[in-house]
C-alpha atoms as a PDB file:
ATOM      1  CA  MET A   1      15.606  -3.228  10.464  1.00  0.00           C
ATOM      2  CA  ARG A   2      12.926  -0.275   9.758  1.00  0.00           C
ATOM      3  CA  LEU A   3      14.517   3.273  10.533  1.00  0.00           C
ATOM      4  CA  VAL A   4      12.368   6.244  11.306  1.00  0.00           C
ATOM      5  CA  THR A   5      12.768   9.832  12.474  1.00  0.00           C
ATOM      6  CA  PHE A   6      10.007  10.810  14.832  1.00  0.00           C
ATOM      7  CA  ASP A   7       8.861  13.889  16.817  1.00  0.00           C
ATOM      8  CA  GLU A   8      11.310  16.435  16.466  1.00  0.00           C
ATOM      9  CA  GLY A   9      14.006  15.243  14.755  1.00  0.00           C
ATOM     10  CA  ARG A  10      14.374  12.115  16.829  1.00  0.00           C
ATOM     11  CA  VAL A  11      16.148   8.467  15.175  1.00  0.00           C
ATOM     12  CA  GLY A  12      15.077   5.174  16.100  1.00  0.00           C
ATOM     13  CA  ARG A  13      14.528   1.811  14.851  1.00  0.00           C
ATOM     14  CA  LEU A  14      10.793  -0.006  14.714  1.00  0.00           C
ATOM     15  CA  GLU A  15      10.451  -3.317  16.276  1.00  0.00           C
ATOM     16  CA  ASP A  16       7.059  -4.500  15.997  1.00  0.00           C
ATOM     17  CA  ASP A  17       4.991  -1.260  17.217  1.00  0.00           C
ATOM     18  CA  THR A  18       7.760  -0.154  19.343  1.00  0.00           C
ATOM     19  CA  VAL A  19      10.053   2.619  18.725  1.00  0.00           C
ATOM     20  CA  ILE A  20      13.761   2.181  20.282  1.00  0.00           C
ATOM     21  CA  GLU A  21      15.393   5.577  20.176  1.00  0.00           C
ATOM     22  CA  LEU A  22      19.115   5.706  18.886  1.00  0.00           C
ATOM     23  CA  GLU A  23      21.681   8.121  20.042  1.00  0.00           C
ATOM     24  CA  CYS A  24      22.118  10.073  16.795  1.00  0.00           C
ATOM     25  CA  GLY A  25      21.142  13.539  15.652  1.00  0.00           C
ATOM     26  CA  SER A  26      19.619  11.825  12.097  1.00  0.00           C
ATOM     27  CA  THR A  27      19.410   9.070   9.992  1.00  0.00           C
ATOM     28  CA  ARG A  28      21.544  10.434   7.509  1.00  0.00           C
ATOM     29  CA  GLU A  29      24.362  10.780  10.473  1.00  0.00           C
ATOM     30  CA  TYR A  30      23.237   6.823  11.313  1.00  0.00           C
ATOM     31  CA  PHE A  31      24.866   5.921   7.866  1.00  0.00           C
ATOM     32  CA  GLU A  32      27.313   8.327   8.273  1.00  0.00           C
ATOM     33  CA  ARG A  33      28.566   6.176  11.243  1.00  0.00           C
ATOM     34  CA  ASP A  34      27.791   3.252   9.427  1.00  0.00           C
ATOM     35  CA  GLY A  35      25.143   2.229  11.866  1.00  0.00           C
ATOM     36  CA  ALA A  36      27.729   2.705  14.915  1.00  0.00           C
ATOM     37  CA  VAL A  37      25.362   4.541  17.252  1.00  0.00           C
ATOM     38  CA  ARG A  38      23.915   3.022  20.594  1.00  0.00           C
ATOM     39  CA  GLU A  39      20.204   2.980  21.930  1.00  0.00           C
ATOM     40  CA  THR A  40      19.366   5.537  24.128  1.00  0.00           C
ATOM     41  CA  GLY A  41      17.404   3.328  26.270  1.00  0.00           C
ATOM     42  CA  GLU A  42      13.831   5.023  25.676  1.00  0.00           C
ATOM     43  CA  ARG A  43      11.160   2.773  24.276  1.00  0.00           C
ATOM     44  CA  LEU A  44       7.853   4.667  22.959  1.00  0.00           C
ATOM     45  CA  ALA A  45       4.795   2.977  21.234  1.00  0.00           C
ATOM     46  CA  LEU A  46       4.513   3.607  17.733  1.00  0.00           C
ATOM     47  CA  ALA A  47       1.109   5.077  18.131  1.00  0.00           C
ATOM     48  CA  ASP A  48       2.344   7.852  20.594  1.00  0.00           C
ATOM     49  CA  VAL A  49       4.872   9.046  18.085  1.00  0.00           C
ATOM     50  CA  ARG A  50       4.846  11.372  14.793  1.00  0.00           C
ATOM     51  CA  LEU A  51       6.773  10.130  12.336  1.00  0.00           C
ATOM     52  CA  ARG A  52       8.620  12.378  10.169  1.00  0.00           C
ATOM     53  CA  ALA A  53      10.405  12.104   6.662  1.00  0.00           C
ATOM     54  CA  PRO A  54      12.856   9.237   7.499  1.00  0.00           C
ATOM     55  CA  ILE A  55      15.934  11.337   6.040  1.00  0.00           C
ATOM     56  CA  VAL A  56      16.923  14.470   4.399  1.00  0.00           C
ATOM     57  CA  PRO A  57      19.546  13.414   2.122  1.00  0.00           C
ATOM     58  CA  LYS A  58      22.319  15.772   0.881  1.00  0.00           C
ATOM     59  CA  LYS A  59      21.593  14.886  -2.610  1.00  0.00           C
ATOM     60  CA  PHE A  60      18.271  13.215  -4.260  1.00  0.00           C
ATOM     61  CA  PHE A  61      19.213  11.508  -7.507  1.00  0.00           C
ATOM     62  CA  HIS A  62      15.444  11.127  -9.467  1.00  0.00           C
ATOM     63  CA  THR A  63      15.447   8.820 -12.340  1.00  0.00           C
ATOM     64  CA  ALA A  64      12.637   8.670 -15.305  1.00  0.00           C
ATOM     65  CA  GLY A  65      11.801   6.380 -17.928  1.00  0.00           C
ATOM     66  CA  ASN A  66      13.125   3.467 -16.241  1.00  0.00           C
ATOM     67  CA  PHE A  67      10.212   0.691 -16.214  1.00  0.00           C
ATOM     68  CA  ALA A  68       9.139  -0.896 -19.064  1.00  0.00           C
ATOM     69  CA  ALA A  69       5.825  -0.511 -19.480  1.00  0.00           C
ATOM     70  CA  HIS A  70       5.795   3.390 -18.269  1.00  0.00           C
ATOM     71  CA  HIS A  71       8.359   4.043 -20.985  1.00  0.00           C
ATOM     72  CA  GLU A  72       5.906   2.949 -23.410  1.00  0.00           C
ATOM     73  CA  GLU A  73       2.984   4.546 -22.219  1.00  0.00           C
ATOM     74  CA  LEU A  74       4.921   7.953 -22.176  1.00  0.00           C
ATOM     75  CA  GLN A  75       5.058   7.805 -25.820  1.00  0.00           C
ATOM     76  CA  ALA A  76       1.472   8.690 -25.703  1.00  0.00           C
ATOM     77  CA  VAL A  77       1.840  11.622 -23.912  1.00  0.00           C
ATOM     78  CA  ASN A  78       3.376  13.545 -26.758  1.00  0.00           C
ATOM     79  CA  TRP A  79       6.350  15.098 -25.285  1.00  0.00           C
ATOM     80  CA  SER A  80       8.191  17.761 -27.288  1.00  0.00           C
ATOM     81  CA  HIS A  81      10.985  15.655 -26.433  1.00  0.00           C
ATOM     82  CA  PRO A  82      11.370  11.744 -25.783  1.00  0.00           C
ATOM     83  CA  VAL A  83      12.187  10.501 -22.217  1.00  0.00           C
ATOM     84  CA  HIS A  84      15.041   8.103 -22.100  1.00  0.00           C
ATOM     85  CA  LYS A  85      15.525   5.499 -19.973  1.00  0.00           C
ATOM     86  CA  GLY A  86      18.065   6.201 -17.136  1.00  0.00           C
ATOM     87  CA  ILE A  87      17.943   9.660 -17.417  1.00  0.00           C
ATOM     88  CA  VAL A  88      18.678  11.512 -13.777  1.00  0.00           C
ATOM     89  CA  PHE A  89      18.155  15.046 -12.198  1.00  0.00           C
ATOM     90  CA  PHE A  90      18.212  16.332  -8.686  1.00  0.00           C
ATOM     91  CA  GLN A  91      15.077  16.592  -6.976  1.00  0.00           C
ATOM     92  CA  ASN A  92      14.677  19.359  -4.165  1.00  0.00           C
ATOM     93  CA  VAL A  93      15.535  18.149  -0.586  1.00  0.00           C
ATOM     94  CA  ASP A  94      13.376  21.016   0.637  1.00  0.00           C
ATOM     95  CA  ALA A  95      10.260  19.851  -0.727  1.00  0.00           C
ATOM     96  CA  ILE A  96      10.739  16.507   1.411  1.00  0.00           C
ATOM     97  CA  ILE A  97       7.303  15.812   3.427  1.00  0.00           C
ATOM     98  CA  GLY A  98       6.860  12.290   5.585  1.00  0.00           C
ATOM     99  CA  PRO A  99       3.628  10.204   6.015  1.00  0.00           C
ATOM    100  CA  ASP A 100       0.983  11.964   6.936  1.00  0.00           C
ATOM    101  CA  ASP A 101       1.982  15.197   5.717  1.00  0.00           C
ATOM    102  CA  ASP A 102      -0.179  17.091   3.637  1.00  0.00           C
ATOM    103  CA  ILE A 103       0.669  17.768  -0.323  1.00  0.00           C
ATOM    104  CA  VAL A 104      -0.320  21.432  -0.829  1.00  0.00           C
ATOM    105  CA  TYR A 105      -1.993  22.103  -4.226  1.00  0.00           C
ATOM    106  CA  PRO A 106      -0.554  25.117  -5.765  1.00  0.00           C
ATOM    107  CA  GLU A 107      -3.954  26.103  -7.713  1.00  0.00           C
ATOM    108  CA  GLY A 108      -2.363  29.238  -8.953  1.00  0.00           C
ATOM    109  CA  LEU A 109       0.371  27.031 -10.714  1.00  0.00           C
ATOM    110  CA  THR A 110      -1.096  23.640 -11.788  1.00  0.00           C
ATOM    111  CA  ASN A 111      -4.421  22.262 -12.943  1.00  0.00           C
ATOM    112  CA  GLU A 112      -2.574  19.055 -13.533  1.00  0.00           C
ATOM    113  CA  LEU A 113      -1.539  17.606 -10.454  1.00  0.00           C
ATOM    114  CA  ASP A 114       0.058  13.938 -10.723  1.00  0.00           C
ATOM    115  CA  TYR A 115       1.197  11.171  -9.053  1.00  0.00           C
ATOM    116  CA  GLU A 116       3.973   8.566  -9.472  1.00  0.00           C
ATOM    117  CA  LEU A 117       4.644   6.068  -7.150  1.00  0.00           C
ATOM    118  CA  GLU A 118       8.632   4.711  -6.972  1.00  0.00           C
ATOM    119  CA  LEU A 119      11.112   3.150  -5.293  1.00  0.00           C
ATOM    120  CA  GLY A 120      13.666   4.897  -3.210  1.00  0.00           C
ATOM    121  CA  VAL A 121      17.480   3.581  -2.953  1.00  0.00           C
ATOM    122  CA  ILE A 122      19.229   4.883  -0.017  1.00  0.00           C
ATOM    123  CA  ILE A 123      23.200   5.075  -0.264  1.00  0.00           C
ATOM    124  CA  GLY A 124      24.909   3.607   2.708  1.00  0.00           C
ATOM    125  CA  LYS A 125      28.511   4.872   2.022  1.00  0.00           C
ATOM    126  CA  PRO A 126      30.055   7.677  -0.115  1.00  0.00           C
ATOM    127  CA  GLY A 127      31.871   6.420  -3.313  1.00  0.00           C
ATOM    128  CA  LYS A 128      32.379   7.174  -6.724  1.00  0.00           C
ATOM    129  CA  TRP A 129      33.299   5.563 -10.345  1.00  0.00           C
ATOM    130  CA  PHE A 130      32.622   1.980  -9.133  1.00  0.00           C
ATOM    131  CA  SER A 131      31.031  -1.045 -10.931  1.00  0.00           C
ATOM    132  CA  PRO A 132      27.228  -2.532 -10.603  1.00  0.00           C
ATOM    133  CA  GLU A 133      29.072  -5.326  -8.744  1.00  0.00           C
ATOM    134  CA  GLU A 134      30.341  -2.931  -6.065  1.00  0.00           C
ATOM    135  CA  ALA A 135      27.395  -0.956  -5.818  1.00  0.00           C
ATOM    136  CA  VAL A 136      25.611  -3.608  -3.870  1.00  0.00           C
ATOM    137  CA  ASP A 137      28.073  -2.249  -0.919  1.00  0.00           C
ATOM    138  CA  HIS A 138      27.030   0.848  -1.248  1.00  0.00           C
ATOM    139  CA  ILE A 139      23.120   0.409  -1.150  1.00  0.00           C
ATOM    140  CA  ALA A 140      22.074   0.368   2.549  1.00  0.00           C
ATOM    141  CA  GLY A 141      18.176   0.282   2.195  1.00  0.00           C
ATOM    142  CA  TYR A 142      14.818   1.457   0.746  1.00  0.00           C
ATOM    143  CA  LEU A 143      12.038   3.617   0.954  1.00  0.00           C
ATOM    144  CA  VAL A 144       8.606   4.637  -0.460  1.00  0.00           C
ATOM    145  CA  PHE A 145       8.597   7.489  -2.968  1.00  0.00           C
ATOM    146  CA  ASN A 146       5.649   9.499  -4.288  1.00  0.00           C
ATOM    147  CA  ASP A 147       7.031  12.043  -7.369  1.00  0.00           C
ATOM    148  CA  ILE A 148       4.168  14.477  -7.053  1.00  0.00           C
ATOM    149  CA  THR A 149       4.036  16.060 -10.851  1.00  0.00           C
ATOM    150  CA  ALA A 150       2.508  19.264 -12.275  1.00  0.00           C
ATOM    151  CA  ARG A 151       2.091  18.171 -15.517  1.00  0.00           C
ATOM    152  CA  ASP A 152       1.309  21.482 -17.343  1.00  0.00           C
ATOM    153  CA  ILE A 153       4.307  22.835 -16.146  1.00  0.00           C
ATOM    154  CA  GLN A 154       6.378  19.989 -17.119  1.00  0.00           C
ATOM    155  CA  ARG A 155       4.992  19.875 -20.868  1.00  0.00           C
ATOM    156  CA  ARG A 156       6.329  23.678 -20.924  1.00  0.00           C
ATOM    157  CA  GLU A 157       9.567  22.533 -19.459  1.00  0.00           C
ATOM    158  CA  MET A 158      10.014  19.577 -21.707  1.00  0.00           C
ATOM    159  CA  GLN A 159       9.986  22.192 -24.668  1.00  0.00           C
ATOM    160  CA  SER A 160      13.341  22.908 -23.779  1.00  0.00           C
ATOM    161  CA  GLY A 161      14.093  18.992 -23.116  1.00  0.00           C
ATOM    162  CA  VAL A 162      14.372  19.091 -19.103  1.00  0.00           C
ATOM    163  CA  PHE A 163      12.189  19.213 -16.263  1.00  0.00           C
ATOM    164  CA  SER A 164      12.702  20.068 -12.337  1.00  0.00           C
ATOM    165  CA  PHE A 165      10.466  22.817 -11.456  1.00  0.00           C
ATOM    166  CA  SER A 166       7.524  20.734 -12.004  1.00  0.00           C
ATOM    167  CA  LYS A 167       8.375  18.078  -9.530  1.00  0.00           C
ATOM    168  CA  GLY A 168      10.289  20.232  -7.212  1.00  0.00           C
ATOM    169  CA  ILE A 169       7.741  22.669  -5.687  1.00  0.00           C
ATOM    170  CA  ASP A 170       7.113  22.766  -1.955  1.00  0.00           C
ATOM    171  CA  THR A 171       5.535  19.448  -0.633  1.00  0.00           C
ATOM    172  CA  PHE A 172       5.958  17.528  -3.595  1.00  0.00           C
ATOM    173  CA  CYS A 173       8.265  14.938  -2.707  1.00  0.00           C
ATOM    174  CA  PRO A 174       6.419  12.442   0.031  1.00  0.00           C
ATOM    175  CA  ILE A 175       8.837   9.599   1.121  1.00  0.00           C
ATOM    176  CA  GLY A 176       8.760   7.164   3.934  1.00  0.00           C
ATOM    177  CA  PRO A 177       7.045   5.867   6.409  1.00  0.00           C
ATOM    178  CA  TRP A 178      10.188   4.705   7.223  1.00  0.00           C
ATOM    179  CA  ILE A 179      13.699   3.183   5.676  1.00  0.00           C
ATOM    180  CA  VAL A 180      13.748  -0.691   5.314  1.00  0.00           C
ATOM    181  CA  THR A 181      17.629  -1.889   5.903  1.00  0.00           C
ATOM    182  CA  ALA A 182      18.876  -3.992   2.633  1.00  0.00           C
ATOM    183  CA  ASP A 183      19.582  -6.990   4.685  1.00  0.00           C
ATOM    184  CA  GLU A 184      15.900  -7.289   5.055  1.00  0.00           C
ATOM    185  CA  ILE A 185      15.002  -7.407   1.418  1.00  0.00           C
ATOM    186  CA  ALA A 186      15.742 -10.494  -0.354  1.00  0.00           C
ATOM    187  CA  ASP A 187      15.292  -9.516  -4.014  1.00  0.00           C
ATOM    188  CA  PRO A 188      14.307  -5.477  -4.441  1.00  0.00           C
ATOM    189  CA  HIS A 189      13.794  -6.558  -8.156  1.00  0.00           C
ATOM    190  CA  LYS A 190      10.777  -8.547  -6.807  1.00  0.00           C
ATOM    191  CA  LEU A 191       8.482  -6.091  -5.273  1.00  0.00           C
ATOM    192  CA  ALA A 192       4.795  -5.423  -5.921  1.00  0.00           C
ATOM    193  CA  MET A 193       4.197  -1.622  -6.036  1.00  0.00           C
ATOM    194  CA  GLU A 194       0.701  -0.091  -5.582  1.00  0.00           C
ATOM    195  CA  LEU A 195      -0.915   3.499  -5.345  1.00  0.00           C
ATOM    196  CA  ARG A 196      -4.206   4.254  -4.079  1.00  0.00           C
ATOM    197  CA  VAL A 197      -6.441   7.218  -4.524  1.00  0.00           C
ATOM    198  CA  ASN A 198      -9.052   7.290  -1.972  1.00  0.00           C
ATOM    199  CA  GLY A 199      -9.048   3.533  -2.049  1.00  0.00           C
ATOM    200  CA  GLN A 200      -9.031   3.676  -5.914  1.00  0.00           C
ATOM    201  CA  VAL A 201      -5.953   1.533  -7.468  1.00  0.00           C
ATOM    202  CA  ARG A 202      -4.270   3.744 -10.042  1.00  0.00           C
ATOM    203  CA  GLN A 203      -0.754   2.021 -10.420  1.00  0.00           C
ATOM    204  CA  THR A 204       0.229  -1.544 -10.134  1.00  0.00           C
ATOM    205  CA  GLY A 205       3.670  -2.958 -10.986  1.00  0.00           C
ATOM    206  CA  ASN A 206       6.385  -4.380  -9.967  1.00  0.00           C
ATOM    207  CA  THR A 207      10.063  -3.911  -9.715  1.00  0.00           C
ATOM    208  CA  ASP A 208      10.938  -6.797 -11.852  1.00  0.00           C
ATOM    209  CA  GLN A 209       9.832  -4.489 -14.775  1.00  0.00           C
ATOM    210  CA  LEU A 210      12.734  -2.166 -14.470  1.00  0.00           C
ATOM    211  CA  LEU A 211      15.015  -1.448 -17.674  1.00  0.00           C
ATOM    212  CA  LEU A 212      17.881  -0.631 -15.605  1.00  0.00           C
ATOM    213  CA  PRO A 213      18.461  -3.032 -12.574  1.00  0.00           C
ATOM    214  CA  ILE A 214      19.147  -1.043  -9.018  1.00  0.00           C
ATOM    215  CA  PRO A 215      22.938  -1.909  -9.369  1.00  0.00           C
ATOM    216  CA  HIS A 216      23.750  -0.633 -12.868  1.00  0.00           C
ATOM    217  CA  LEU A 217      21.530   2.468 -12.368  1.00  0.00           C
ATOM    218  CA  VAL A 218      23.456   3.062  -9.083  1.00  0.00           C
ATOM    219  CA  ALA A 219      26.517   2.420 -10.766  1.00  0.00           C
ATOM    220  CA  HIS A 220      25.953   4.326 -13.426  1.00  0.00           C
ATOM    221  CA  HIS A 221      25.699   7.476 -11.918  1.00  0.00           C
ATOM    222  CA  SER A 222      28.446   6.900  -9.501  1.00  0.00           C
ATOM    223  CA  PRO A 223      30.568   9.358 -11.362  1.00  0.00           C
ATOM    224  CA  GLN A 224      28.729  12.333 -10.050  1.00  0.00           C
ATOM    225  CA  GLY A 225      29.717  11.166  -6.499  1.00  0.00           C
ATOM    226  CA  TYR A 226      27.548  10.051  -3.376  1.00  0.00           C
ATOM    227  CA  SER A 227      27.485  10.594   0.274  1.00  0.00           C
ATOM    228  CA  ALA A 228      26.228   8.408   2.785  1.00  0.00           C
ATOM    229  CA  GLY A 229      22.452   8.923   3.273  1.00  0.00           C
ATOM    230  CA  ASP A 230      21.697  10.222  -0.345  1.00  0.00           C
ATOM    231  CA  ILE A 231      18.909   8.956  -2.305  1.00  0.00           C
ATOM    232  CA  ILE A 232      18.422   7.667  -5.618  1.00  0.00           C
ATOM    233  CA  THR A 233      14.866   6.702  -7.087  1.00  0.00           C
ATOM    234  CA  THR A 234      14.056   4.255 -10.101  1.00  0.00           C
ATOM    235  CA  GLY A 235      11.245   5.898 -12.069  1.00  0.00           C
ATOM    236  CA  THR A 236       7.632   4.920 -11.811  1.00  0.00           C
ATOM    237  CA  ILE A 237       5.413   2.437 -13.034  1.00  0.00           C
ATOM    238  CA  SER A 238       2.453   2.533 -15.259  1.00  0.00           C
ATOM    239  CA  GLY A 239      -0.744   4.158 -14.523  1.00  0.00           C
ATOM    240  CA  VAL A 240      -0.168   7.999 -14.020  1.00  0.00           C
ATOM    241  CA  ALA A 241      -3.254  10.344 -14.591  1.00  0.00           C
ATOM    242  CA  ALA A 242      -1.402  12.001 -17.603  1.00  0.00           C
ATOM    243  CA  ILE A 243      -1.353   9.202 -19.904  1.00  0.00           C
ATOM    244  CA  GLN A 244      -5.411   8.148 -19.255  1.00  0.00           C
ATOM    245  CA  PRO A 245      -8.068   8.791 -21.926  1.00  0.00           C
ATOM    246  CA  ASN A 246      -9.342  11.703 -20.077  1.00  0.00           C
ATOM    247  CA  PRO A 247      -6.428  12.687 -17.413  1.00  0.00           C
ATOM    248  CA  PHE A 248      -8.668  15.163 -15.777  1.00  0.00           C
ATOM    249  CA  ASP A 249     -10.844  12.224 -14.361  1.00  0.00           C
ATOM    250  CA  PHE A 250      -7.498  10.931 -12.739  1.00  0.00           C
ATOM    251  CA  TYR A 251      -5.324  14.055 -11.574  1.00  0.00           C
ATOM    252  CA  LEU A 252      -5.216  15.002  -7.869  1.00  0.00           C
ATOM    253  CA  ARG A 253      -7.601  17.306  -6.236  1.00  0.00           C
ATOM    254  CA  PRO A 254      -7.630  18.819  -2.782  1.00  0.00           C
ATOM    255  CA  GLY A 255      -9.520  16.333  -0.349  1.00  0.00           C
ATOM    256  CA  ASP A 256      -7.657  13.055  -1.928  1.00  0.00           C
ATOM    257  CA  VAL A 257      -5.667  10.472  -0.059  1.00  0.00           C
ATOM    258  CA  VAL A 258      -3.141   8.989  -1.592  1.00  0.00           C
ATOM    259  CA  GLU A 259      -1.404   5.676  -0.473  1.00  0.00           C
ATOM    260  CA  ALA A 260       1.661   4.742  -2.050  1.00  0.00           C
ATOM    261  CA  GLU A 261       2.675   0.841  -1.232  1.00  0.00           C
ATOM    262  CA  ILE A 262       5.674  -1.334  -1.995  1.00  0.00           C
ATOM    263  CA  GLU A 263       5.934  -4.828  -0.793  1.00  0.00           C
ATOM    264  CA  GLY A 264       7.728  -5.163   2.308  1.00  0.00           C
ATOM    265  CA  LEU A 265       8.158  -1.272   2.572  1.00  0.00           C
ATOM    266  CA  GLY A 266       4.857  -0.467   4.037  1.00  0.00           C
ATOM    267  CA  VAL A 267       2.332   2.180   3.161  1.00  0.00           C
ATOM    268  CA  LEU A 268       2.760   6.131   2.700  1.00  0.00           C
ATOM    269  CA  ARG A 269      -0.036   8.123   3.000  1.00  0.00           C
ATOM    270  CA  ASN A 270      -0.580  11.965   2.330  1.00  0.00           C
ATOM    271  CA  ARG A 271      -3.627  13.663   1.634  1.00  0.00           C
ATOM    272  CA  VAL A 272      -3.952  16.631  -0.861  1.00  0.00           C
ATOM    273  CA  VAL A 273      -5.188  20.190   0.734  1.00  0.00           C
ATOM    274  CA  PRO A 274      -5.970  23.432  -0.977  1.00  0.00           C
ATOM    275  CA  TRP A 275      -3.400  26.266  -0.665  1.00  0.00           C
ATOM    276  CA  SER A 276      -5.701  28.031   1.825  1.00  0.00           C
ATOM    277  CA  THR A 277      -4.996  25.119   4.516  1.00  0.00           C
ATOM    278  CA  ALA A 278      -1.445  25.784   4.478  1.00  0.00           C
ATOM    279  CA  HIS A 279      -1.094  29.762   3.484  1.00  0.00           C
ATOM    280  CA  ASP A 280      -2.871  32.759   4.608  1.00  0.00           C
ATOM    281  CA  THR A 281      -2.054  34.268   1.409  1.00  0.00           C
ATOM    282  CA  SER A 282      -3.621  34.115  -2.217  1.00  0.00           C
ATOM    283  CA  PRO A 283      -2.528  31.381  -4.449  1.00  0.00           C
ATOM    284  CA  TYR A 284       1.034  31.953  -5.464  1.00  0.00           C
ATOM    285  CA  THR A 285       1.196  32.665  -9.572  1.00  0.00           C
ATOM    286  CA  SER A 286       4.288  33.084 -12.292  1.00  0.00           C
ATOM    287  CA  SER A 287       3.655  34.501 -15.274  1.00  0.00           C
ATOM    288  CA  LEU A 288       6.268  31.906 -16.638  1.00  0.00           C
ATOM    289  CA  TYR A 289       3.782  29.230 -15.812  1.00  0.00           C
ATOM    290  CA  THR A 290       0.457  30.793 -16.662  1.00  0.00           C
ATOM    291  CA  ASP A 291       1.025  32.908 -19.515  1.00  0.00           C
END
């Protein structure tokens, strides 16, 4: 099943090109109710609705350094601290945007805007302190996540061995275009991944390159406690701009169109726009990140 959020917060399942509306207030509520929701009887053409971010979780667990090739290429970035596999931190859920929403370039804060294609795992039922074998029962579905990152800010954050602000700025968390339920994915560890900027391939990989398999990753962080509808991501594949010989030839710029695609999960498309498109003020600046 493909679950969508559309128009002004309506929920539905997508059947071919038809949206079948469901009687619940959010996809998070759908999982909290274990999918026990009825159809409203309304059916709409996909072309006639506006897809939104498919879910806004209570918690968004963000993983770093969990793909082998990306883990290796990070050694060339010269971070002040190593990025170990399976590191998890919290993403800012207020930064979430959906398919075809704009990524706003905060040019007053950064000049090194990067992309990171990741698989997002949807937690279907609450729980804590469980094993990898038990984790499978907690995984309800998957979606595409593009981890937008301000590398110059991240570089400064890494001097303290942590990073968060660089990834949690407003509009830096595109997810979508929908949630594909776990029963539709035969093997989540065999999914091709590709990210394109203006049609040019920037990242390619496969979930078979994960260092920590998904059930182990989900179980490892279960001591923090999961709620139904939470998201945990897998980390990104190789090919990010920051590791290129000349990163500034690859960093995102206003006008770029980013397409993040995972086999079986769809294409998440977003355009990068300048600050002035979204705000009627001068670009925000902070001495913490510009001095």
